[in-house]
Amino acid sequence: AENRLFLATSLYGWTWILRPGVGLIALVTLVALVLPMILRATG
């Protein structure tokens, strides 16, 4: 992961974060982290 991050930043700068695939992966990760907390809080 560290190697791929280095390659992505050297090729695209930090604009790689704005690519649609990265946004989709970030959204799925965020839902997977937040949804269990919401379900636990609501019972």
PDB file of all heavy atoms in Angstrom:
ATOM      1  N   ALA A   1       0.826  -1.208   0.000  1.00  0.00           N
ATOM      2  CA  ALA A   1       0.000   0.000   0.000  1.00  0.00           C
ATOM      3  C   ALA A   1       0.860   1.257   0.000  1.00  0.00           C
ATOM      4  O   ALA A   1       0.560   2.232  -0.688  1.00  0.00           O
ATOM      5  CB  ALA A   1      -0.937  -0.010   1.199  1.00  0.00           C
ATOM      6  N   GLU A   2       1.941   1.230   0.764  1.00  0.00           N
ATOM      7  CA  GLU A   2       2.835   2.388   0.807  1.00  0.00           C
ATOM      8  C   GLU A   2       3.484   2.625  -0.554  1.00  0.00           C
ATOM      9  O   GLU A   2       3.591   3.764  -1.013  1.00  0.00           O
ATOM     10  CB  GLU A   2       3.907   2.163   1.867  1.00  0.00           C
ATOM     11  CG  GLU A   2       4.833   3.336   2.054  1.00  0.00           C
ATOM     12  CD  GLU A   2       5.881   3.091   3.122  1.00  0.00           C
ATOM     13  OE1 GLU A   2       5.885   2.003   3.725  1.00  0.00           O
ATOM     14  OE2 GLU A   2       6.702   3.996   3.341  1.00  0.00           O
ATOM     15  N   ASN A   3       3.887   1.549  -1.224  1.00  0.00           N
ATOM     16  CA  ASN A   3       4.485   1.665  -2.548  1.00  0.00           C
ATOM     17  C   ASN A   3       3.495   2.248  -3.548  1.00  0.00           C
ATOM     18  O   ASN A   3       3.838   3.131  -4.335  1.00  0.00           O
ATOM     19  CB  ASN A   3       4.976   0.286  -3.013  1.00  0.00           C
ATOM     20  CG  ASN A   3       5.710   0.347  -4.318  1.00  0.00           C
ATOM     21  OD1 ASN A   3       6.180   1.394  -4.723  1.00  0.00           O
ATOM     22  ND2 ASN A   3       5.791  -0.785  -4.985  1.00  0.00           N
ATOM     23  N   ARG A   4       2.255   1.771  -3.529  1.00  0.00           N
ATOM     24  CA  ARG A   4       1.242   2.259  -4.461  1.00  0.00           C
ATOM     25  C   ARG A   4       0.873   3.709  -4.177  1.00  0.00           C
ATOM     26  O   ARG A   4       0.595   4.477  -5.085  1.00  0.00           O
ATOM     27  CB  ARG A   4      -0.012   1.381  -4.413  1.00  0.00           C
ATOM     28  CG  ARG A   4       0.227  -0.040  -4.877  1.00  0.00           C
ATOM     29  CD  ARG A   4       0.739  -0.054  -6.317  1.00  0.00           C
ATOM     30  NE  ARG A   4       0.828  -1.394  -6.829  1.00  0.00           N
ATOM     31  CZ  ARG A   4       1.946  -2.040  -7.042  1.00  0.00           C
ATOM     32  NH1 ARG A   4       3.104  -1.479  -6.778  1.00  0.00           N
ATOM     33  NH2 ARG A   4       1.941  -3.257  -7.539  1.00  0.00           N
ATOM     34  N   LEU A   5       0.859   4.100  -2.901  1.00  0.00           N
ATOM     35  CA  LEU A   5       0.602   5.501  -2.566  1.00  0.00           C
ATOM     36  C   LEU A   5       1.707   6.390  -3.117  1.00  0.00           C
ATOM     37  O   LEU A   5       1.437   7.455  -3.676  1.00  0.00           O
ATOM     38  CB  LEU A   5       0.494   5.674  -1.054  1.00  0.00           C
ATOM     39  CG  LEU A   5       0.318   7.113  -0.564  1.00  0.00           C
ATOM     40  CD1 LEU A   5      -1.000   7.695  -1.050  1.00  0.00           C
ATOM     41  CD2 LEU A   5       0.399   7.164   0.947  1.00  0.00           C
ATOM     42  N   PHE A   6       2.946   5.951  -2.990  1.00  0.00           N
ATOM     43  CA  PHE A   6       4.066   6.719  -3.537  1.00  0.00           C
ATOM     44  C   PHE A   6       3.944   6.862  -5.053  1.00  0.00           C
ATOM     45  O   PHE A   6       4.140   7.947  -5.603  1.00  0.00           O
ATOM     46  CB  PHE A   6       5.397   6.049  -3.172  1.00  0.00           C
ATOM     47  CG  PHE A   6       6.581   6.709  -3.808  1.00  0.00           C
ATOM     48  CD1 PHE A   6       7.061   7.914  -3.312  1.00  0.00           C
ATOM     49  CD2 PHE A   6       7.208   6.142  -4.904  1.00  0.00           C
ATOM     50  CE1 PHE A   6       8.154   8.533  -3.906  1.00  0.00           C
ATOM     51  CE2 PHE A   6       8.287   6.750  -5.500  1.00  0.00           C
ATOM     52  CZ  PHE A   6       8.771   7.952  -5.002  1.00  0.00           C
ATOM     53  N   LEU A   7       3.605   5.770  -5.734  1.00  0.00           N
ATOM     54  CA  LEU A   7       3.450   5.830  -7.188  1.00  0.00           C
ATOM     55  C   LEU A   7       2.314   6.759  -7.598  1.00  0.00           C
ATOM     56  O   LEU A   7       2.446   7.542  -8.545  1.00  0.00           O
ATOM     57  CB  LEU A   7       3.198   4.429  -7.757  1.00  0.00           C
ATOM     58  CG  LEU A   7       4.390   3.494  -7.778  1.00  0.00           C
ATOM     59  CD1 LEU A   7       3.966   2.101  -8.212  1.00  0.00           C
ATOM     60  CD2 LEU A   7       5.464   4.024  -8.711  1.00  0.00           C
ATOM     61  N   ALA A   8       1.185   6.674  -6.901  1.00  0.00           N
ATOM     62  CA  ALA A   8       0.037   7.511  -7.239  1.00  0.00           C
ATOM     63  C   ALA A   8       0.355   8.988  -7.044  1.00  0.00           C
ATOM     64  O   ALA A   8       0.011   9.820  -7.894  1.00  0.00           O
ATOM     65  CB  ALA A   8      -1.179   7.125  -6.400  1.00  0.00           C
ATOM     66  N   THR A   9       1.016   9.319  -5.947  1.00  0.00           N
ATOM     67  CA  THR A   9       1.329  10.729  -5.714  1.00  0.00           C
ATOM     68  C   THR A   9       2.416  11.239  -6.651  1.00  0.00           C
ATOM     69  O   THR A   9       2.400  12.405  -7.027  1.00  0.00           O
ATOM     70  CB  THR A   9       1.746  10.977  -4.254  1.00  0.00           C
ATOM     71  OG1 THR A   9       2.818  10.108  -3.923  1.00  0.00           O
ATOM     72  CG2 THR A   9       0.591  10.766  -3.315  1.00  0.00           C
ATOM     73  N   SER A  10       3.320  10.383  -7.061  1.00  0.00           N
ATOM     74  CA  SER A  10       4.355  10.853  -7.985  1.00  0.00           C
ATOM     75  C   SER A  10       3.811  11.002  -9.403  1.00  0.00           C
ATOM     76  O   SER A  10       4.268  11.859 -10.152  1.00  0.00           O
ATOM     77  CB  SER A  10       5.571   9.934  -7.960  1.00  0.00           C
ATOM     78  OG  SER A  10       5.229   8.644  -8.382  1.00  0.00           O
ATOM     79  N   LEU A  11       2.829  10.189  -9.780  1.00  0.00           N
ATOM     80  CA  LEU A  11       2.250  10.298 -11.118  1.00  0.00           C
ATOM     81  C   LEU A  11       1.200  11.395 -11.221  1.00  0.00           C
ATOM     82  O   LEU A  11       1.169  12.154 -12.202  1.00  0.00           O
ATOM     83  CB  LEU A  11       1.627   8.970 -11.543  1.00  0.00           C
ATOM     84  CG  LEU A  11       2.580   7.835 -11.871  1.00  0.00           C
ATOM     85  CD1 LEU A  11       1.803   6.553 -12.133  1.00  0.00           C
ATOM     86  CD2 LEU A  11       3.424   8.185 -13.075  1.00  0.00           C
ATOM     87  N   TYR A  12       0.310  11.486 -10.240  1.00  0.00           N
ATOM     88  CA  TYR A  12      -0.836  12.384 -10.331  1.00  0.00           C
ATOM     89  C   TYR A  12      -0.803  13.531  -9.333  1.00  0.00           C
ATOM     90  O   TYR A  12      -1.702  14.365  -9.337  1.00  0.00           O
ATOM     91  CB  TYR A  12      -2.139  11.597 -10.101  1.00  0.00           C
ATOM     92  CG  TYR A  12      -2.370  10.501 -11.096  1.00  0.00           C
ATOM     93  CD1 TYR A  12      -2.203   9.171 -10.750  1.00  0.00           C
ATOM     94  CD2 TYR A  12      -2.751  10.794 -12.400  1.00  0.00           C
ATOM     95  CE1 TYR A  12      -2.421   8.162 -11.663  1.00  0.00           C
ATOM     96  CE2 TYR A  12      -2.970   9.802 -13.319  1.00  0.00           C
ATOM     97  CZ  TYR A  12      -2.798   8.483 -12.942  1.00  0.00           C
ATOM     98  OH  TYR A  12      -3.016   7.496 -13.861  1.00  0.00           O
ATOM     99  N   GLY A  13       0.159  13.571  -8.440  1.00  0.00           N
ATOM    100  CA  GLY A  13       0.110  14.542  -7.348  1.00  0.00           C
ATOM    101  C   GLY A  13      -1.007  14.119  -6.399  1.00  0.00           C
ATOM    102  O   GLY A  13      -1.358  12.949  -6.310  1.00  0.00           O
ATOM    103  N   TRP A  14      -1.575  15.073  -5.699  1.00  0.00           N
ATOM    104  CA  TRP A  14      -2.664  14.728  -4.789  1.00  0.00           C
ATOM    105  C   TRP A  14      -4.021  14.769  -5.479  1.00  0.00           C
ATOM    106  O   TRP A  14      -5.052  14.560  -4.832  1.00  0.00           O
ATOM    107  CB  TRP A  14      -2.642  15.624  -3.567  1.00  0.00           C
ATOM    108  CG  TRP A  14      -1.512  15.235  -2.661  1.00  0.00           C
ATOM    109  CD1 TRP A  14      -0.307  15.853  -2.556  1.00  0.00           C
ATOM    110  CD2 TRP A  14      -1.472  14.106  -1.791  1.00  0.00           C
ATOM    111  NE1 TRP A  14       0.487  15.171  -1.659  1.00  0.00           N
ATOM    112  CE2 TRP A  14      -0.212  14.097  -1.170  1.00  0.00           C
ATOM    113  CE3 TRP A  14      -2.366  13.095  -1.477  1.00  0.00           C
ATOM    114  CZ2 TRP A  14       0.179  13.137  -0.256  1.00  0.00           C
ATOM    115  CZ3 TRP A  14      -1.986  12.131  -0.557  1.00  0.00           C
ATOM    116  CH2 TRP A  14      -0.730  12.157   0.040  1.00  0.00           C
ATOM    117  N   THR A  15      -4.053  14.976  -6.788  1.00  0.00           N
ATOM    118  CA  THR A  15      -5.335  14.981  -7.510  1.00  0.00           C
ATOM    119  C   THR A  15      -5.892  13.575  -7.688  1.00  0.00           C
ATOM    120  O   THR A  15      -7.052  13.425  -8.069  1.00  0.00           O
ATOM    121  CB  THR A  15      -5.192  15.648  -8.887  1.00  0.00           C
ATOM    122  OG1 THR A  15      -4.226  14.946  -9.655  1.00  0.00           O
ATOM    123  CG2 THR A  15      -4.778  17.102  -8.740  1.00  0.00           C
ATOM    124  N   TRP A  16      -5.110  12.529  -7.397  1.00  0.00           N
ATOM    125  CA  TRP A  16      -5.618  11.165  -7.508  1.00  0.00           C
ATOM    126  C   TRP A  16      -6.760  10.932  -6.532  1.00  0.00           C
ATOM    127  O   TRP A  16      -7.601  10.063  -6.745  1.00  0.00           O
ATOM    128  CB  TRP A  16      -4.519  10.130  -7.298  1.00  0.00           C
ATOM    129  CG  TRP A  16      -3.914  10.141  -5.925  1.00  0.00           C
ATOM    130  CD1 TRP A  16      -2.840  10.851  -5.508  1.00  0.00           C
ATOM    131  CD2 TRP A  16      -4.360   9.407  -4.776  1.00  0.00           C
ATOM    132  NE1 TRP A  16      -2.580  10.617  -4.183  1.00  0.00           N
ATOM    133  CE2 TRP A  16      -3.507   9.729  -3.705  1.00  0.00           C
ATOM    134  CE3 TRP A  16      -5.400   8.501  -4.552  1.00  0.00           C
ATOM    135  CZ2 TRP A  16      -3.662   9.188  -2.439  1.00  0.00           C
ATOM    136  CZ3 TRP A  16      -5.541   7.964  -3.290  1.00  0.00           C
ATOM    137  CH2 TRP A  16      -4.687   8.310  -2.248  1.00  0.00           C
ATOM    138  N   ILE A  17      -6.821  11.745  -5.470  1.00  0.00           N
ATOM    139  CA  ILE A  17      -7.899  11.606  -4.489  1.00  0.00           C
ATOM    140  C   ILE A  17      -9.246  11.957  -5.111  1.00  0.00           C
ATOM    141  O   ILE A  17     -10.285  11.461  -4.676  1.00  0.00           O
ATOM    142  CB  ILE A  17      -7.603  12.485  -3.255  1.00  0.00           C
ATOM    143  CG1 ILE A  17      -6.375  11.944  -2.545  1.00  0.00           C
ATOM    144  CG2 ILE A  17      -8.778  12.554  -2.307  1.00  0.00           C
ATOM    145  CD1 ILE A  17      -5.922  12.766  -1.374  1.00  0.00           C
ATOM    146  N   LEU A  18      -9.251  12.794  -6.123  1.00  0.00           N
ATOM    147  CA  LEU A  18     -10.495  13.239  -6.747  1.00  0.00           C
ATOM    148  C   LEU A  18     -11.025  12.272  -7.799  1.00  0.00           C
ATOM    149  O   LEU A  18     -12.086  12.512  -8.363  1.00  0.00           O
ATOM    150  CB  LEU A  18     -10.281  14.624  -7.375  1.00  0.00           C
ATOM    151  CG  LEU A  18      -9.800  15.713  -6.404  1.00  0.00           C
ATOM    152  CD1 LEU A  18      -9.512  16.989  -7.168  1.00  0.00           C
ATOM    153  CD2 LEU A  18     -10.813  15.929  -5.307  1.00  0.00           C
ATOM    154  N   ARG A  19     -10.336  11.185  -8.057  1.00  0.00           N
ATOM    155  CA  ARG A  19     -10.791  10.223  -9.060  1.00  0.00           C
ATOM    156  C   ARG A  19     -12.005   9.455  -8.538  1.00  0.00           C
ATOM    157  O   ARG A  19     -12.134   9.200  -7.341  1.00  0.00           O
ATOM    158  CB  ARG A  19      -9.657   9.281  -9.433  1.00  0.00           C
ATOM    159  CG  ARG A  19      -8.465  10.047 -10.043  1.00  0.00           C
ATOM    160  CD  ARG A  19      -7.293   9.161 -10.318  1.00  0.00           C
ATOM    161  NE  ARG A  19      -7.451   8.346 -11.506  1.00  0.00           N
ATOM    162  CZ  ARG A  19      -7.195   8.759 -12.740  1.00  0.00           C
ATOM    163  NH1 ARG A  19      -6.796   9.993 -12.932  1.00  0.00           N
ATOM    164  NH2 ARG A  19      -7.337   7.950 -13.752  1.00  0.00           N
ATOM    165  N   PRO A  20     -12.945   9.069  -9.421  1.00  0.00           N
ATOM    166  CA  PRO A  20     -14.195   8.433  -8.981  1.00  0.00           C
ATOM    167  C   PRO A  20     -13.997   7.108  -8.238  1.00  0.00           C
ATOM    168  O   PRO A  20     -14.708   6.832  -7.266  1.00  0.00           O
ATOM    169  CB  PRO A  20     -14.968   8.202 -10.272  1.00  0.00           C
ATOM    170  CG  PRO A  20     -14.330   9.054 -11.293  1.00  0.00           C
ATOM    171  CD  PRO A  20     -12.939   9.323 -10.853  1.00  0.00           C
ATOM    172  N   GLY A  21     -13.062   6.300  -8.660  1.00  0.00           N
ATOM    173  CA  GLY A  21     -12.835   5.021  -7.994  1.00  0.00           C
ATOM    174  C   GLY A  21     -12.381   5.198  -6.558  1.00  0.00           C
ATOM    175  O   GLY A  21     -12.801   4.466  -5.660  1.00  0.00           O
ATOM    176  N   VAL A  22     -11.542   6.188  -6.323  1.00  0.00           N
ATOM    177  CA  VAL A  22     -11.059   6.463  -4.971  1.00  0.00           C
ATOM    178  C   VAL A  22     -12.219   6.940  -4.100  1.00  0.00           C
ATOM    179  O   VAL A  22     -12.356   6.539  -2.946  1.00  0.00           O
ATOM    180  CB  VAL A  22      -9.920   7.506  -5.007  1.00  0.00           C
ATOM    181  CG1 VAL A  22      -9.494   7.900  -3.607  1.00  0.00           C
ATOM    182  CG2 VAL A  22      -8.746   6.975  -5.798  1.00  0.00           C
ATOM    183  N   GLY A  23     -13.085   7.774  -4.668  1.00  0.00           N
ATOM    184  CA  GLY A  23     -14.250   8.248  -3.926  1.00  0.00           C
ATOM    185  C   GLY A  23     -15.192   7.116  -3.557  1.00  0.00           C
ATOM    186  O   GLY A  23     -15.727   7.071  -2.438  1.00  0.00           O
ATOM    187  N   LEU A  24     -15.395   6.186  -4.482  1.00  0.00           N
ATOM    188  CA  LEU A  24     -16.269   5.041  -4.215  1.00  0.00           C
ATOM    189  C   LEU A  24     -15.687   4.161  -3.105  1.00  0.00           C
ATOM    190  O   LEU A  24     -16.410   3.747  -2.186  1.00  0.00           O
ATOM    191  CB  LEU A  24     -16.469   4.223  -5.492  1.00  0.00           C
ATOM    192  CG  LEU A  24     -17.358   3.000  -5.361  1.00  0.00           C
ATOM    193  CD1 LEU A  24     -18.774   3.422  -5.032  1.00  0.00           C
ATOM    194  CD2 LEU A  24     -17.325   2.202  -6.650  1.00  0.00           C
ATOM    195  N   ILE A  25     -14.403   3.885  -3.159  1.00  0.00           N
ATOM    196  CA  ILE A  25     -13.759   3.077  -2.121  1.00  0.00           C
ATOM    197  C   ILE A  25     -13.837   3.795  -0.771  1.00  0.00           C
ATOM    198  O   ILE A  25     -14.108   3.171   0.262  1.00  0.00           O
ATOM    199  CB  ILE A  25     -12.304   2.755  -2.502  1.00  0.00           C
ATOM    200  CG1 ILE A  25     -12.295   1.803  -3.693  1.00  0.00           C
ATOM    201  CG2 ILE A  25     -11.540   2.158  -1.331  1.00  0.00           C
ATOM    202  CD1 ILE A  25     -10.925   1.595  -4.300  1.00  0.00           C
ATOM    203  N   ALA A  26     -13.633   5.114  -0.761  1.00  0.00           N
ATOM    204  CA  ALA A  26     -13.720   5.883   0.487  1.00  0.00           C
ATOM    205  C   ALA A  26     -15.135   5.851   1.047  1.00  0.00           C
ATOM    206  O   ALA A  26     -15.327   5.711   2.260  1.00  0.00           O
ATOM    207  CB  ALA A  26     -13.273   7.321   0.243  1.00  0.00           C
ATOM    208  N   LEU A  27     -16.143   5.945   0.185  1.00  0.00           N
ATOM    209  CA  LEU A  27     -17.529   5.906   0.632  1.00  0.00           C
ATOM    210  C   LEU A  27     -17.884   4.552   1.233  1.00  0.00           C
ATOM    211  O   LEU A  27     -18.498   4.477   2.304  1.00  0.00           O
ATOM    212  CB  LEU A  27     -18.464   6.226  -0.535  1.00  0.00           C
ATOM    213  CG  LEU A  27     -19.956   6.217  -0.221  1.00  0.00           C
ATOM    214  CD1 LEU A  27     -20.288   7.345   0.735  1.00  0.00           C
ATOM    215  CD2 LEU A  27     -20.752   6.319  -1.499  1.00  0.00           C
ATOM    216  N   VAL A  28     -17.487   3.470   0.578  1.00  0.00           N
ATOM    217  CA  VAL A  28     -17.762   2.129   1.095  1.00  0.00           C
ATOM    218  C   VAL A  28     -17.060   1.921   2.435  1.00  0.00           C
ATOM    219  O   VAL A  28     -17.636   1.370   3.375  1.00  0.00           O
ATOM    220  CB  VAL A  28     -17.335   1.055   0.061  1.00  0.00           C
ATOM    221  CG1 VAL A  28     -17.346  -0.332   0.667  1.00  0.00           C
ATOM    222  CG2 VAL A  28     -18.237   1.117  -1.157  1.00  0.00           C
ATOM    223  N   THR A  29     -15.827   2.383   2.552  1.00  0.00           N
ATOM    224  CA  THR A  29     -15.094   2.268   3.805  1.00  0.00           C
ATOM    225  C   THR A  29     -15.762   3.064   4.915  1.00  0.00           C
ATOM    226  O   THR A  29     -15.914   2.583   6.042  1.00  0.00           O
ATOM    227  CB  THR A  29     -13.640   2.737   3.617  1.00  0.00           C
ATOM    228  OG1 THR A  29     -13.034   1.972   2.580  1.00  0.00           O
ATOM    229  CG2 THR A  29     -12.842   2.603   4.894  1.00  0.00           C
ATOM    230  N   LEU A  30     -16.193   4.272   4.605  1.00  0.00           N
ATOM    231  CA  LEU A  30     -16.851   5.112   5.594  1.00  0.00           C
ATOM    232  C   LEU A  30     -18.157   4.482   6.081  1.00  0.00           C
ATOM    233  O   LEU A  30     -18.435   4.454   7.285  1.00  0.00           O
ATOM    234  CB  LEU A  30     -17.115   6.500   5.006  1.00  0.00           C
ATOM    235  CG  LEU A  30     -17.684   7.533   5.956  1.00  0.00           C
ATOM    236  CD1 LEU A  30     -16.677   7.844   7.061  1.00  0.00           C
ATOM    237  CD2 LEU A  30     -18.026   8.795   5.204  1.00  0.00           C
ATOM    238  N   VAL A  31     -18.951   3.941   5.162  1.00  0.00           N
ATOM    239  CA  VAL A  31     -20.202   3.284   5.544  1.00  0.00           C
ATOM    240  C   VAL A  31     -19.911   2.058   6.410  1.00  0.00           C
ATOM    241  O   VAL A  31     -20.588   1.821   7.419  1.00  0.00           O
ATOM    242  CB  VAL A  31     -21.024   2.905   4.294  1.00  0.00           C
ATOM    243  CG1 VAL A  31     -22.159   1.966   4.641  1.00  0.00           C
ATOM    244  CG2 VAL A  31     -21.560   4.153   3.621  1.00  0.00           C
ATOM    245  N   ALA A  32     -18.897   1.288   6.050  1.00  0.00           N
ATOM    246  CA  ALA A  32     -18.557   0.089   6.815  1.00  0.00           C
ATOM    247  C   ALA A  32     -18.061   0.428   8.221  1.00  0.00           C
ATOM    248  O   ALA A  32     -18.231  -0.361   9.149  1.00  0.00           O
ATOM    249  CB  ALA A  32     -17.501  -0.721   6.079  1.00  0.00           C
ATOM    250  N   LEU A  33     -17.478   1.590   8.406  1.00  0.00           N
ATOM    251  CA  LEU A  33     -17.002   1.993   9.728  1.00  0.00           C
ATOM    252  C   LEU A  33     -18.087   2.659  10.567  1.00  0.00           C
ATOM    253  O   LEU A  33     -18.152   2.462  11.774  1.00  0.00           O
ATOM    254  CB  LEU A  33     -15.808   2.951   9.593  1.00  0.00           C
ATOM    255  CG  LEU A  33     -14.517   2.344   9.071  1.00  0.00           C
ATOM    256  CD1 LEU A  33     -13.481   3.431   8.839  1.00  0.00           C
ATOM    257  CD2 LEU A  33     -13.989   1.300  10.020  1.00  0.00           C
ATOM    258  N   VAL A  34     -18.958   3.437   9.930  1.00  0.00           N
ATOM    259  CA  VAL A  34     -19.937   4.225  10.668  1.00  0.00           C
ATOM    260  C   VAL A  34     -21.228   3.457  10.928  1.00  0.00           C
ATOM    261  O   VAL A  34     -21.832   3.598  11.996  1.00  0.00           O
ATOM    262  CB  VAL A  34     -20.220   5.548   9.917  1.00  0.00           C
ATOM    263  CG1 VAL A  34     -21.363   6.311  10.537  1.00  0.00           C
ATOM    264  CG2 VAL A  34     -18.971   6.401   9.889  1.00  0.00           C
ATOM    265  N   LEU A  35     -21.675   2.630  10.006  1.00  0.00           N
ATOM    266  CA  LEU A  35     -22.948   1.930  10.148  1.00  0.00           C
ATOM    267  C   LEU A  35     -23.020   1.059  11.406  1.00  0.00           C
ATOM    268  O   LEU A  35     -24.026   1.114  12.121  1.00  0.00           O
ATOM    269  CB  LEU A  35     -23.247   1.103   8.890  1.00  0.00           C
ATOM    270  CG  LEU A  35     -24.609   0.457   8.833  1.00  0.00           C
ATOM    271  CD1 LEU A  35     -25.703   1.506   8.839  1.00  0.00           C
ATOM    272  CD2 LEU A  35     -24.725  -0.421   7.603  1.00  0.00           C
ATOM    273  N   PRO A  36     -22.010   0.272  11.750  1.00  0.00           N
ATOM    274  CA  PRO A  36     -22.100  -0.495  13.003  1.00  0.00           C
ATOM    275  C   PRO A  36     -22.224   0.388  14.243  1.00  0.00           C
ATOM    276  O   PRO A  36     -22.926   0.035  15.187  1.00  0.00           O
ATOM    277  CB  PRO A  36     -20.798  -1.297  13.042  1.00  0.00           C
ATOM    278  CG  PRO A  36     -20.381  -1.396  11.632  1.00  0.00           C
ATOM    279  CD  PRO A  36     -20.831  -0.126  10.990  1.00  0.00           C
ATOM    280  N   MET A  37     -21.571   1.544  14.241  1.00  0.00           N
ATOM    281  CA  MET A  37     -21.685   2.445  15.388  1.00  0.00           C
ATOM    282  C   MET A  37     -23.095   3.005  15.496  1.00  0.00           C
ATOM    283  O   MET A  37     -23.640   3.125  16.599  1.00  0.00           O
ATOM    284  CB  MET A  37     -20.663   3.583  15.264  1.00  0.00           C
ATOM    285  CG  MET A  37     -19.240   3.137  15.481  1.00  0.00           C
ATOM    286  SD  MET A  37     -18.098   4.523  15.499  1.00  0.00           S
ATOM    287  CE  MET A  37     -17.633   4.585  13.780  1.00  0.00           C
ATOM    288  N   ILE A  38     -23.700   3.346  14.364  1.00  0.00           N
ATOM    289  CA  ILE A  38     -25.069   3.858  14.377  1.00  0.00           C
ATOM    290  C   ILE A  38     -26.030   2.775  14.832  1.00  0.00           C
ATOM    291  O   ILE A  38     -26.919   3.024  15.655  1.00  0.00           O
ATOM    292  CB  ILE A  38     -25.457   4.393  12.981  1.00  0.00           C
ATOM    293  CG1 ILE A  38     -24.643   5.636  12.650  1.00  0.00           C
ATOM    294  CG2 ILE A  38     -26.943   4.693  12.914  1.00  0.00           C
ATOM    295  CD1 ILE A  38     -24.802   6.113  11.225  1.00  0.00           C
ATOM    296  N   LEU A  39     -25.867   1.561  14.325  1.00  0.00           N
ATOM    297  CA  LEU A  39     -26.744   0.470  14.728  1.00  0.00           C
ATOM    298  C   LEU A  39     -26.602   0.155  16.210  1.00  0.00           C
ATOM    299  O   LEU A  39     -27.585  -0.131  16.895  1.00  0.00           O
ATOM    300  CB  LEU A  39     -26.457  -0.777  13.891  1.00  0.00           C
ATOM    301  CG  LEU A  39     -26.853  -0.697  12.419  1.00  0.00           C
ATOM    302  CD1 LEU A  39     -26.434  -1.953  11.693  1.00  0.00           C
ATOM    303  CD2 LEU A  39     -28.337  -0.451  12.265  1.00  0.00           C
ATOM    304  N   ARG A  40     -25.388   0.210  16.716  1.00  0.00           N
ATOM    305  CA  ARG A  40     -25.166  -0.060  18.138  1.00  0.00           C
ATOM    306  C   ARG A  40     -25.779   1.042  18.997  1.00  0.00           C
ATOM    307  O   ARG A  40     -26.360   0.772  20.044  1.00  0.00           O
ATOM    308  CB  ARG A  40     -23.675  -0.180  18.431  1.00  0.00           C
ATOM    309  CG  ARG A  40     -23.382  -0.680  19.828  1.00  0.00           C
ATOM    310  CD  ARG A  40     -21.904  -0.878  20.101  1.00  0.00           C
ATOM    311  NE  ARG A  40     -21.246  -1.639  19.054  1.00  0.00           N
ATOM    312  CZ  ARG A  40     -20.113  -1.280  18.470  1.00  0.00           C
ATOM    313  NH1 ARG A  40     -19.496  -0.172  18.825  1.00  0.00           N
ATOM    314  NH2 ARG A  40     -19.562  -2.028  17.526  1.00  0.00           N
ATOM    315  N   ALA A  41     -25.675   2.292  18.549  1.00  0.00           N
ATOM    316  CA  ALA A  41     -26.213   3.411  19.318  1.00  0.00           C
ATOM    317  C   ALA A  41     -27.738   3.391  19.354  1.00  0.00           C
ATOM    318  O   ALA A  41     -28.346   3.759  20.354  1.00  0.00           O
ATOM    319  CB  ALA A  41     -25.718   4.731  18.738  1.00  0.00           C
ATOM    320  N   THR A  42     -28.374   2.944  18.273  1.00  0.00           N
ATOM    321  CA  THR A  42     -29.835   2.907  18.233  1.00  0.00           C
ATOM    322  C   THR A  42     -30.403   1.626  18.814  1.00  0.00           C
ATOM    323  O   THR A  42     -31.605   1.503  18.981  1.00  0.00           O
ATOM    324  CB  THR A  42     -30.338   3.061  16.787  1.00  0.00           C
ATOM    325  OG1 THR A  42     -29.834   1.996  15.987  1.00  0.00           O
ATOM    326  CG2 THR A  42     -29.925   4.401  16.208  1.00  0.00           C
ATOM    327  N   GLY A  43     -29.539   0.659  19.104  1.00  0.00           N
ATOM    328  CA  GLY A  43     -30.006  -0.609  19.664  1.00  0.00           C
ATOM    329  C   GLY A  43     -30.384  -1.632  18.621  1.00  0.00           C
ATOM    330  O   GLY A  43     -30.737  -2.752  18.938  1.00  0.00           O
TER     331      GLY A  43
END
